[in-house]
Amino acid sequence: MQITLQAPAKVNLCLHVLGRRPDGYHELATLMQSVDLYDTLTVRLGGQGLGLACNRPELNRENLVLRAAEVFFAALGRPAAAALELHKRIPVAAGLGGGSSDAAATLLALNALHDSALAPLELVRLAARLGADVPFFLAGGTAFCRGKGELVRPWPDFPLLDYVLVNPGFALPTARVYQELDLQWTNQGERNKISRLAGNYAAGLSFLINDLERAALRVHPVLGSIKEALAGCGAQGCLMSGSGPTVFGVFADAAQAGEAARRLRRERRWWVRACRGVAA
């Protein structure tokens, strides 16, 4: 038996750092949106142990897909026995959640192949063990996430917007960004920060705020140049996604996003992709 699933990327339409937690992580409030840029995962049951084949061979080991399969079989109480094939399209360590999405797809695929042996709440519990963004990807769409990101509340009425993603071609470790973060930059208070999500989303896109962006710009000032380039192509708003380094622009429609992506590919050496938000 086998199953193939598409694992979408995400963007953080806002990301607020509300403070440091006793466990050393940071308390977050973020609105996340799945977009139609996908990795493809195929899972086949059988054999002995776990094996992963990826179109990027350097990702064949210590991949979150393998870890997800391990925790699934452990929860099931059965020996691990599956072959996994992963085709990567989402840039790695890019703030787009590719690894987390692949892990969530692994849990969903294995559960489907085992006749939904694990209840949805058990899958959420396993997902939270794997990473803060993994629970979001179990359903995807648009969701407001709290805690480390693992407390997920669907946000079904948010409009599906058109985006251009720009990745400069280097990784930006999350730990490095948090090292540069000064929490005094984010001291406007939880009430004010959350209230920015209310009201008319199209009114100036004022919700596009990422408390990590200033820290990331200190590490790689080129991210500011990407924002300027997107604005120059007609983006209505621009923001770094997650802890970066991918920056996205919001465009009025798919035609304008497509034209902006073509222009940036001609003029720059960045990885560029036009995409659209997708529902759960």
C-alpha atoms as a PDB file:
ATOM      1  CA  MET A   1       0.000   0.000   0.000  1.00  0.00           C
ATOM      2  CA  GLN A   2       1.132   3.518  -0.701  1.00  0.00           C
ATOM      3  CA  ILE A   3      -0.141   7.079  -0.598  1.00  0.00           C
ATOM      4  CA  THR A   4       1.110  10.392  -2.021  1.00  0.00           C
ATOM      5  CA  LEU A   5       0.424  13.720  -0.344  1.00  0.00           C
ATOM      6  CA  GLN A   6       1.277  17.317  -1.164  1.00  0.00           C
ATOM      7  CA  ALA A   7       2.954  19.217   1.680  1.00  0.00           C
ATOM      8  CA  PRO A   8       2.373  22.994   1.330  1.00  0.00           C
ATOM      9  CA  ALA A   9       4.616  25.861   2.332  1.00  0.00           C
ATOM     10  CA  LYS A  10       3.341  28.647   4.602  1.00  0.00           C
ATOM     11  CA  VAL A  11       3.842  32.328   5.182  1.00  0.00           C
ATOM     12  CA  ASN A  12       3.471  34.169   8.479  1.00  0.00           C
ATOM     13  CA  LEU A  13       1.133  37.081   7.789  1.00  0.00           C
ATOM     14  CA  CYS A  14       1.997  38.420  11.204  1.00  0.00           C
ATOM     15  CA  LEU A  15       4.348  37.189  13.888  1.00  0.00           C
ATOM     16  CA  HIS A  16       4.442  38.737  17.336  1.00  0.00           C
ATOM     17  CA  VAL A  17       6.919  37.728  20.031  1.00  0.00           C
ATOM     18  CA  LEU A  18       5.110  38.164  23.339  1.00  0.00           C
ATOM     19  CA  GLY A  19       7.954  37.282  25.679  1.00  0.00           C
ATOM     20  CA  ARG A  20      10.252  34.518  26.838  1.00  0.00           C
ATOM     21  CA  ARG A  21       8.752  31.369  28.360  1.00  0.00           C
ATOM     22  CA  PRO A  22      10.063  29.494  31.421  1.00  0.00           C
ATOM     23  CA  ASP A  23      11.074  26.590  29.131  1.00  0.00           C
ATOM     24  CA  GLY A  24      13.438  28.867  27.174  1.00  0.00           C
ATOM     25  CA  TYR A  25      11.229  29.200  24.094  1.00  0.00           C
ATOM     26  CA  HIS A  26       9.422  32.387  23.132  1.00  0.00           C
ATOM     27  CA  GLU A  27       5.678  32.921  23.387  1.00  0.00           C
ATOM     28  CA  LEU A  28       4.332  33.704  19.919  1.00  0.00           C
ATOM     29  CA  ALA A  29       1.136  34.921  18.325  1.00  0.00           C
ATOM     30  CA  THR A  30       1.114  34.381  14.571  1.00  0.00           C
ATOM     31  CA  LEU A  31      -1.320  34.199  11.681  1.00  0.00           C
ATOM     32  CA  MET A  32      -0.145  31.492   9.284  1.00  0.00           C
ATOM     33  CA  GLN A  33      -1.326  30.833   5.750  1.00  0.00           C
ATOM     34  CA  SER A  34      -0.711  27.787   3.553  1.00  0.00           C
ATOM     35  CA  VAL A  35       0.298  28.586  -0.023  1.00  0.00           C
ATOM     36  CA  ASP A  36       0.316  26.517  -3.208  1.00  0.00           C
ATOM     37  CA  LEU A  37       4.022  25.712  -3.225  1.00  0.00           C
ATOM     38  CA  TYR A  38       4.370  22.026  -2.396  1.00  0.00           C
ATOM     39  CA  ASP A  39       6.793  19.279  -1.523  1.00  0.00           C
ATOM     40  CA  THR A  40       5.534  15.831  -2.563  1.00  0.00           C
ATOM     41  CA  LEU A  41       5.691  12.876  -0.179  1.00  0.00           C
ATOM     42  CA  THR A  42       5.033   9.236  -1.103  1.00  0.00           C
ATOM     43  CA  VAL A  43       4.827   6.631   1.649  1.00  0.00           C
ATOM     44  CA  ARG A  44       4.855   2.878   1.037  1.00  0.00           C
ATOM     45  CA  LEU A  45       4.268   0.391   3.809  1.00  0.00           C
ATOM     46  CA  GLY A  46       6.370  -2.738   4.120  1.00  0.00           C
ATOM     47  CA  GLY A  47       9.936  -3.954   4.454  1.00  0.00           C
ATOM     48  CA  GLN A  48      12.007  -3.564   7.569  1.00  0.00           C
ATOM     49  CA  GLY A  49      12.772  -0.278   9.244  1.00  0.00           C
ATOM     50  CA  LEU A  50      12.511   3.138   7.627  1.00  0.00           C
ATOM     51  CA  GLY A  51      14.125   4.431   4.457  1.00  0.00           C
ATOM     52  CA  LEU A  52      14.029   7.881   2.878  1.00  0.00           C
ATOM     53  CA  ALA A  53      14.882   8.837  -0.692  1.00  0.00           C
ATOM     54  CA  CYS A  54      14.926  12.576  -1.430  1.00  0.00           C
ATOM     55  CA  ASN A  55      15.698  14.469  -4.632  1.00  0.00           C
ATOM     56  CA  ARG A  56      18.139  16.396  -2.439  1.00  0.00           C
ATOM     57  CA  PRO A  57      20.381  13.568  -1.163  1.00  0.00           C
ATOM     58  CA  GLU A  58      21.878  15.677   1.615  1.00  0.00           C
ATOM     59  CA  LEU A  59      18.431  15.547   3.247  1.00  0.00           C
ATOM     60  CA  ASN A  60      18.188  11.751   3.313  1.00  0.00           C
ATOM     61  CA  ARG A  61      19.441  11.544   6.906  1.00  0.00           C
ATOM     62  CA  GLU A  62      18.316  13.306  10.060  1.00  0.00           C
ATOM     63  CA  ASN A  63      15.210  14.434   8.216  1.00  0.00           C
ATOM     64  CA  LEU A  64      12.094  15.373  10.181  1.00  0.00           C
ATOM     65  CA  VAL A  65      10.154  13.002   7.920  1.00  0.00           C
ATOM     66  CA  LEU A  66      12.036  10.065   9.438  1.00  0.00           C
ATOM     67  CA  ARG A  67      11.505  11.389  12.948  1.00  0.00           C
ATOM     68  CA  ALA A  68       7.768  11.745  12.257  1.00  0.00           C
ATOM     69  CA  ALA A  69       7.596   8.157  11.042  1.00  0.00           C
ATOM     70  CA  GLU A  70       9.466   6.957  14.125  1.00  0.00           C
ATOM     71  CA  VAL A  71       7.094   8.653  16.571  1.00  0.00           C
ATOM     72  CA  PHE A  72       4.068   7.436  14.618  1.00  0.00           C
ATOM     73  CA  PHE A  73       5.076   3.780  14.721  1.00  0.00           C
ATOM     74  CA  ALA A  74       6.063   4.117  18.383  1.00  0.00           C
ATOM     75  CA  ALA A  75       2.621   5.512  19.210  1.00  0.00           C
ATOM     76  CA  LEU A  76       1.049   2.699  17.212  1.00  0.00           C
ATOM     77  CA  GLY A  77       3.098   0.131  19.094  1.00  0.00           C
ATOM     78  CA  ARG A  78       4.364  -1.542  15.941  1.00  0.00           C
ATOM     79  CA  PRO A  79       7.819  -1.964  14.380  1.00  0.00           C
ATOM     80  CA  ALA A  80       8.627   0.757  11.894  1.00  0.00           C
ATOM     81  CA  ALA A  81       8.259  -0.507   8.327  1.00  0.00           C
ATOM     82  CA  ALA A  82       7.931   2.046   5.534  1.00  0.00           C
ATOM     83  CA  ALA A  83       9.728   3.566   2.571  1.00  0.00           C
ATOM     84  CA  LEU A  84       9.381   7.318   2.110  1.00  0.00           C
ATOM     85  CA  GLU A  85      10.099   9.316  -1.013  1.00  0.00           C
ATOM     86  CA  LEU A  86      10.310  13.101  -0.735  1.00  0.00           C
ATOM     87  CA  HIS A  87      10.506  15.551  -3.620  1.00  0.00           C
ATOM     88  CA  LYS A  88      11.563  18.951  -2.286  1.00  0.00           C
ATOM     89  CA  ARG A  89      10.435  22.187  -3.927  1.00  0.00           C
ATOM     90  CA  ILE A  90      10.190  24.387  -0.836  1.00  0.00           C
ATOM     91  CA  PRO A  91      13.546  26.000   0.007  1.00  0.00           C
ATOM     92  CA  VAL A  92      15.205  24.602   3.135  1.00  0.00           C
ATOM     93  CA  ALA A  93      15.636  26.725   6.311  1.00  0.00           C
ATOM     94  CA  ALA A  94      13.716  29.491   4.595  1.00  0.00           C
ATOM     95  CA  GLY A  95      10.948  30.489   7.008  1.00  0.00           C
ATOM     96  CA  LEU A  96       8.392  28.670   4.839  1.00  0.00           C
ATOM     97  CA  GLY A  97       7.870  25.639   7.066  1.00  0.00           C
ATOM     98  CA  GLY A  98       8.876  23.017   4.518  1.00  0.00           C
ATOM     99  CA  GLY A  99      10.325  20.543   7.000  1.00  0.00           C
ATOM    100  CA  SER A 100       7.379  20.929   9.369  1.00  0.00           C
ATOM    101  CA  SER A 101       4.925  20.453   6.517  1.00  0.00           C
ATOM    102  CA  ASP A 102       6.737  17.303   5.382  1.00  0.00           C
ATOM    103  CA  ALA A 103       6.555  15.936   8.943  1.00  0.00           C
ATOM    104  CA  ALA A 104       2.824  16.625   9.169  1.00  0.00           C
ATOM    105  CA  ALA A 105       2.273  14.950   5.786  1.00  0.00           C
ATOM    106  CA  THR A 106       4.174  11.908   7.075  1.00  0.00           C
ATOM    107  CA  LEU A 107       1.864  11.596  10.086  1.00  0.00           C
ATOM    108  CA  LEU A 108      -1.234  12.023   7.920  1.00  0.00           C
ATOM    109  CA  ALA A 109      -0.048   9.546   5.289  1.00  0.00           C
ATOM    110  CA  LEU A 110       0.896   6.850   7.778  1.00  0.00           C
ATOM    111  CA  ASN A 111      -2.351   7.279   9.664  1.00  0.00           C
ATOM    112  CA  ALA A 112      -4.349   6.965   6.452  1.00  0.00           C
ATOM    113  CA  LEU A 113      -2.437   3.794   5.536  1.00  0.00           C
ATOM    114  CA  HIS A 114      -3.315   2.381   8.963  1.00  0.00           C
ATOM    115  CA  ASP A 115      -7.060   3.101   8.656  1.00  0.00           C
ATOM    116  CA  SER A 116      -6.916   6.178  10.916  1.00  0.00           C
ATOM    117  CA  ALA A 117      -5.612   4.130  13.834  1.00  0.00           C
ATOM    118  CA  LEU A 118      -4.638   7.296  15.737  1.00  0.00           C
ATOM    119  CA  ALA A 119      -7.290   9.840  16.693  1.00  0.00           C
ATOM    120  CA  PRO A 120      -6.878  13.459  15.511  1.00  0.00           C
ATOM    121  CA  LEU A 121      -5.914  14.659  19.006  1.00  0.00           C
ATOM    122  CA  GLU A 122      -3.201  12.002  19.186  1.00  0.00           C
ATOM    123  CA  LEU A 123      -1.806  13.217  15.847  1.00  0.00           C
ATOM    124  CA  VAL A 124      -1.747  16.757  17.215  1.00  0.00           C
ATOM    125  CA  ARG A 125       0.143  15.549  20.282  1.00  0.00           C
ATOM    126  CA  LEU A 126       2.731  13.806  18.111  1.00  0.00           C
ATOM    127  CA  ALA A 127       3.001  16.829  15.824  1.00  0.00           C
ATOM    128  CA  ALA A 128       3.738  19.127  18.775  1.00  0.00           C
ATOM    129  CA  ARG A 129       6.613  16.854  19.800  1.00  0.00           C
ATOM    130  CA  LEU A 130       8.148  17.227  16.343  1.00  0.00           C
ATOM    131  CA  GLY A 131       8.134  21.019  16.076  1.00  0.00           C
ATOM    132  CA  ALA A 132       6.138  24.150  16.788  1.00  0.00           C
ATOM    133  CA  ASP A 133       4.798  24.542  13.234  1.00  0.00           C
ATOM    134  CA  VAL A 134       3.935  20.879  12.631  1.00  0.00           C
ATOM    135  CA  PRO A 135       0.436  20.989  14.266  1.00  0.00           C
ATOM    136  CA  PHE A 136      -0.571  23.845  11.940  1.00  0.00           C
ATOM    137  CA  PHE A 137       0.183  21.732   8.869  1.00  0.00           C
ATOM    138  CA  LEU A 138      -2.111  18.887   9.937  1.00  0.00           C
ATOM    139  CA  ALA A 139      -4.951  21.001   8.538  1.00  0.00           C
ATOM    140  CA  GLY A 140      -3.258  24.025   6.965  1.00  0.00           C
ATOM    141  CA  GLY A 141      -5.304  26.813   5.443  1.00  0.00           C
ATOM    142  CA  THR A 142      -5.329  29.953   7.586  1.00  0.00           C
ATOM    143  CA  ALA A 143      -4.892  29.673  11.340  1.00  0.00           C
ATOM    144  CA  PHE A 144      -4.019  31.808  14.333  1.00  0.00           C
ATOM    145  CA  CYS A 145      -1.317  30.053  16.357  1.00  0.00           C
ATOM    146  CA  ARG A 146      -0.190  30.699  19.917  1.00  0.00           C
ATOM    147  CA  GLY A 147       2.290  29.279  22.423  1.00  0.00           C
ATOM    148  CA  LYS A 148       5.435  28.178  20.593  1.00  0.00           C
ATOM    149  CA  GLY A 149       3.111  28.018  17.572  1.00  0.00           C
ATOM    150  CA  GLU A 150       1.549  24.688  18.493  1.00  0.00           C
ATOM    151  CA  LEU A 151      -1.838  26.034  19.713  1.00  0.00           C
ATOM    152  CA  VAL A 152      -3.801  26.291  16.481  1.00  0.00           C
ATOM    153  CA  ARG A 153      -7.148  28.024  15.909  1.00  0.00           C
ATOM    154  CA  PRO A 154      -8.552  27.941  12.342  1.00  0.00           C
ATOM    155  CA  TRP A 155      -9.255  31.327  10.777  1.00  0.00           C
ATOM    156  CA  PRO A 156     -11.571  30.321   7.909  1.00  0.00           C
ATOM    157  CA  ASP A 157     -12.797  33.764   6.802  1.00  0.00           C
ATOM    158  CA  PHE A 158      -9.408  35.170   5.858  1.00  0.00           C
ATOM    159  CA  PRO A 159      -9.155  36.013   2.116  1.00  0.00           C
ATOM    160  CA  LEU A 160      -6.880  33.889  -0.082  1.00  0.00           C
ATOM    161  CA  LEU A 161      -4.335  36.408  -1.332  1.00  0.00           C
ATOM    162  CA  ASP A 162      -1.739  36.359  -4.113  1.00  0.00           C
ATOM    163  CA  TYR A 163       1.928  36.392  -3.143  1.00  0.00           C
ATOM    164  CA  VAL A 164       5.419  36.498  -4.566  1.00  0.00           C
ATOM    165  CA  LEU A 165       8.009  34.662  -2.479  1.00  0.00           C
ATOM    166  CA  VAL A 166      11.666  35.697  -2.736  1.00  0.00           C
ATOM    167  CA  ASN A 167      14.478  33.695  -1.175  1.00  0.00           C
ATOM    168  CA  PRO A 168      18.031  35.084  -1.387  1.00  0.00           C
ATOM    169  CA  GLY A 169      19.637  31.636  -1.493  1.00  0.00           C
ATOM    170  CA  PHE A 170      21.161  31.358   1.965  1.00  0.00           C
ATOM    171  CA  ALA A 171      19.895  29.787   5.182  1.00  0.00           C
ATOM    172  CA  LEU A 172      19.142  31.909   8.225  1.00  0.00           C
ATOM    173  CA  PRO A 173      19.128  29.749  11.394  1.00  0.00           C
ATOM    174  CA  THR A 174      16.238  30.551  13.714  1.00  0.00           C
ATOM    175  CA  ALA A 175      18.558  30.494  16.732  1.00  0.00           C
ATOM    176  CA  ARG A 176      20.714  33.223  15.183  1.00  0.00           C
ATOM    177  CA  VAL A 177      17.711  35.484  14.636  1.00  0.00           C
ATOM    178  CA  TYR A 178      16.571  35.075  18.238  1.00  0.00           C
ATOM    179  CA  GLN A 179      20.097  35.859  19.418  1.00  0.00           C
ATOM    180  CA  GLU A 180      19.796  39.235  17.702  1.00  0.00           C
ATOM    181  CA  LEU A 181      16.273  39.889  18.984  1.00  0.00           C
ATOM    182  CA  ASP A 182      15.831  42.593  21.610  1.00  0.00           C
ATOM    183  CA  LEU A 183      12.490  42.043  23.364  1.00  0.00           C
ATOM    184  CA  GLN A 184      12.276  45.791  23.963  1.00  0.00           C
ATOM    185  CA  TRP A 185      11.480  46.059  20.253  1.00  0.00           C
ATOM    186  CA  THR A 186       8.304  44.058  20.895  1.00  0.00           C
ATOM    187  CA  ASN A 187       7.058  45.668  24.121  1.00  0.00           C
ATOM    188  CA  GLN A 188       3.835  47.206  22.770  1.00  0.00           C
ATOM    189  CA  GLY A 189       1.708  44.727  24.736  1.00  0.00           C
ATOM    190  CA  GLU A 190      -0.243  41.653  23.762  1.00  0.00           C
ATOM    191  CA  ARG A 191      -3.603  43.425  23.554  1.00  0.00           C
ATOM    192  CA  ASN A 192      -2.396  45.958  20.996  1.00  0.00           C
ATOM    193  CA  LYS A 193      -0.556  43.358  18.967  1.00  0.00           C
ATOM    194  CA  ILE A 194      -3.477  40.964  18.691  1.00  0.00           C
ATOM    195  CA  SER A 195      -5.930  43.751  17.916  1.00  0.00           C
ATOM    196  CA  ARG A 196      -4.088  44.472  14.678  1.00  0.00           C
ATOM    197  CA  LEU A 197      -5.576  41.294  13.270  1.00  0.00           C
ATOM    198  CA  ALA A 198      -9.131  42.607  13.597  1.00  0.00           C
ATOM    199  CA  GLY A 199     -11.102  44.550  11.024  1.00  0.00           C
ATOM    200  CA  ASN A 200     -10.632  44.976   7.307  1.00  0.00           C
ATOM    201  CA  TYR A 201      -7.628  42.908   6.206  1.00  0.00           C
ATOM    202  CA  ALA A 202      -7.298  44.792   2.931  1.00  0.00           C
ATOM    203  CA  ALA A 203      -7.046  48.197   4.620  1.00  0.00           C
ATOM    204  CA  GLY A 204      -3.394  48.910   4.031  1.00  0.00           C
ATOM    205  CA  LEU A 205      -2.373  45.393   5.075  1.00  0.00           C
ATOM    206  CA  SER A 206      -1.470  46.850   8.464  1.00  0.00           C
ATOM    207  CA  PHE A 207      -1.415  43.368   9.988  1.00  0.00           C
ATOM    208  CA  LEU A 208       1.841  42.581   8.124  1.00  0.00           C
ATOM    209  CA  ILE A 209       4.153  42.787  11.132  1.00  0.00           C
ATOM    210  CA  ASN A 210       6.982  40.404  12.039  1.00  0.00           C
ATOM    211  CA  ASP A 211       8.781  41.086  15.303  1.00  0.00           C
ATOM    212  CA  LEU A 212      11.739  38.990  14.098  1.00  0.00           C
ATOM    213  CA  GLU A 213      12.338  41.011  10.944  1.00  0.00           C
ATOM    214  CA  ARG A 214      14.442  43.735  12.568  1.00  0.00           C
ATOM    215  CA  ALA A 215      16.725  41.100  14.095  1.00  0.00           C
ATOM    216  CA  ALA A 216      17.063  39.288  10.766  1.00  0.00           C
ATOM    217  CA  LEU A 217      17.912  42.538   8.986  1.00  0.00           C
ATOM    218  CA  ARG A 218      20.803  43.045  11.387  1.00  0.00           C
ATOM    219  CA  VAL A 219      22.209  39.681  10.284  1.00  0.00           C
ATOM    220  CA  HIS A 220      21.469  40.057   6.557  1.00  0.00           C
ATOM    221  CA  PRO A 221      20.674  43.622   5.419  1.00  0.00           C
ATOM    222  CA  VAL A 222      19.971  42.278   1.895  1.00  0.00           C
ATOM    223  CA  LEU A 223      16.501  41.358   3.157  1.00  0.00           C
ATOM    224  CA  GLY A 224      15.713  45.066   3.096  1.00  0.00           C
ATOM    225  CA  SER A 225      16.715  45.158  -0.568  1.00  0.00           C
ATOM    226  CA  ILE A 226      14.303  42.319  -1.297  1.00  0.00           C
ATOM    227  CA  LYS A 227      11.468  44.244   0.328  1.00  0.00           C
ATOM    228  CA  GLU A 228      12.338  47.309  -1.741  1.00  0.00           C
ATOM    229  CA  ALA A 229      12.432  45.234  -4.935  1.00  0.00           C
ATOM    230  CA  LEU A 230       9.012  43.717  -4.216  1.00  0.00           C
ATOM    231  CA  ALA A 231       7.557  47.144  -3.478  1.00  0.00           C
ATOM    232  CA  GLY A 232       9.055  48.392  -6.725  1.00  0.00           C
ATOM    233  CA  CYS A 233       7.183  45.644  -8.554  1.00  0.00           C
ATOM    234  CA  GLY A 234       3.849  46.755  -7.125  1.00  0.00           C
ATOM    235  CA  ALA A 235       3.514  44.764  -3.906  1.00  0.00           C
ATOM    236  CA  GLN A 236       0.826  46.206  -1.630  1.00  0.00           C
ATOM    237  CA  GLY A 237       2.808  45.036   1.399  1.00  0.00           C
ATOM    238  CA  CYS A 238       5.975  43.035   2.096  1.00  0.00           C
ATOM    239  CA  LEU A 239       7.131  40.979   5.045  1.00  0.00           C
ATOM    240  CA  MET A 240       9.711  38.398   6.030  1.00  0.00           C
ATOM    241  CA  SER A 241       8.113  35.006   6.699  1.00  0.00           C
ATOM    242  CA  GLY A 242       8.871  33.329  10.023  1.00  0.00           C
ATOM    243  CA  SER A 243      12.506  33.736  11.017  1.00  0.00           C
ATOM    244  CA  GLY A 244      13.457  34.217   7.366  1.00  0.00           C
ATOM    245  CA  PRO A 245      15.185  34.658   5.078  1.00  0.00           C
ATOM    246  CA  THR A 246      12.274  34.357   2.609  1.00  0.00           C
ATOM    247  CA  VAL A 247      10.396  37.615   2.049  1.00  0.00           C
ATOM    248  CA  PHE A 248       6.957  37.762   0.463  1.00  0.00           C
ATOM    249  CA  GLY A 249       4.969  40.490  -1.212  1.00  0.00           C
ATOM    250  CA  VAL A 250       1.172  40.677  -1.351  1.00  0.00           C
ATOM    251  CA  PHE A 251      -0.275  41.556  -4.759  1.00  0.00           C
ATOM    252  CA  ALA A 252      -3.715  42.633  -5.956  1.00  0.00           C
ATOM    253  CA  ASP A 253      -4.255  39.538  -8.094  1.00  0.00           C
ATOM    254  CA  ALA A 254      -2.536  36.554  -9.695  1.00  0.00           C
ATOM    255  CA  ALA A 255      -1.715  38.440 -12.895  1.00  0.00           C
ATOM    256  CA  GLN A 256       0.204  41.154 -11.051  1.00  0.00           C
ATOM    257  CA  ALA A 257       1.962  38.580  -8.893  1.00  0.00           C
ATOM    258  CA  GLY A 258       2.988  36.594 -11.962  1.00  0.00           C
ATOM    259  CA  GLU A 259       4.328  39.669 -13.734  1.00  0.00           C
ATOM    260  CA  ALA A 260       6.288  40.729 -10.651  1.00  0.00           C
ATOM    261  CA  ALA A 261       7.807  37.250 -10.335  1.00  0.00           C
ATOM    262  CA  ARG A 262       8.891  37.260 -13.997  1.00  0.00           C
ATOM    263  CA  ARG A 263      10.442  40.704 -13.605  1.00  0.00           C
ATOM    264  CA  LEU A 264      12.374  39.736 -10.474  1.00  0.00           C
ATOM    265  CA  ARG A 265      13.692  36.566 -12.139  1.00  0.00           C
ATOM    266  CA  ARG A 266      14.979  38.633 -15.047  1.00  0.00           C
ATOM    267  CA  GLU A 267      16.620  41.278 -12.891  1.00  0.00           C
ATOM    268  CA  ARG A 268      17.877  39.323  -9.869  1.00  0.00           C
ATOM    269  CA  ARG A 269      19.540  36.034  -8.983  1.00  0.00           C
ATOM    270  CA  TRP A 270      17.124  35.223  -6.206  1.00  0.00           C
ATOM    271  CA  TRP A 271      14.783  32.238  -6.028  1.00  0.00           C
ATOM    272  CA  VAL A 272      11.339  33.661  -6.893  1.00  0.00           C
ATOM    273  CA  ARG A 273       7.892  32.051  -6.947  1.00  0.00           C
ATOM    274  CA  ALA A 274       4.377  33.455  -7.424  1.00  0.00           C
ATOM    275  CA  CYS A 275       1.768  31.613  -5.378  1.00  0.00           C
ATOM    276  CA  ARG A 276      -1.641  31.909  -3.778  1.00  0.00           C
ATOM    277  CA  GLY A 277      -3.068  31.128  -0.381  1.00  0.00           C
ATOM    278  CA  VAL A 278      -4.942  27.839  -0.097  1.00  0.00           C
ATOM    279  CA  ALA A 279      -7.810  26.862   2.178  1.00  0.00           C
ATOM    280  CA  ALA A 280      -7.730  23.957   4.613  1.00  0.00           C
END
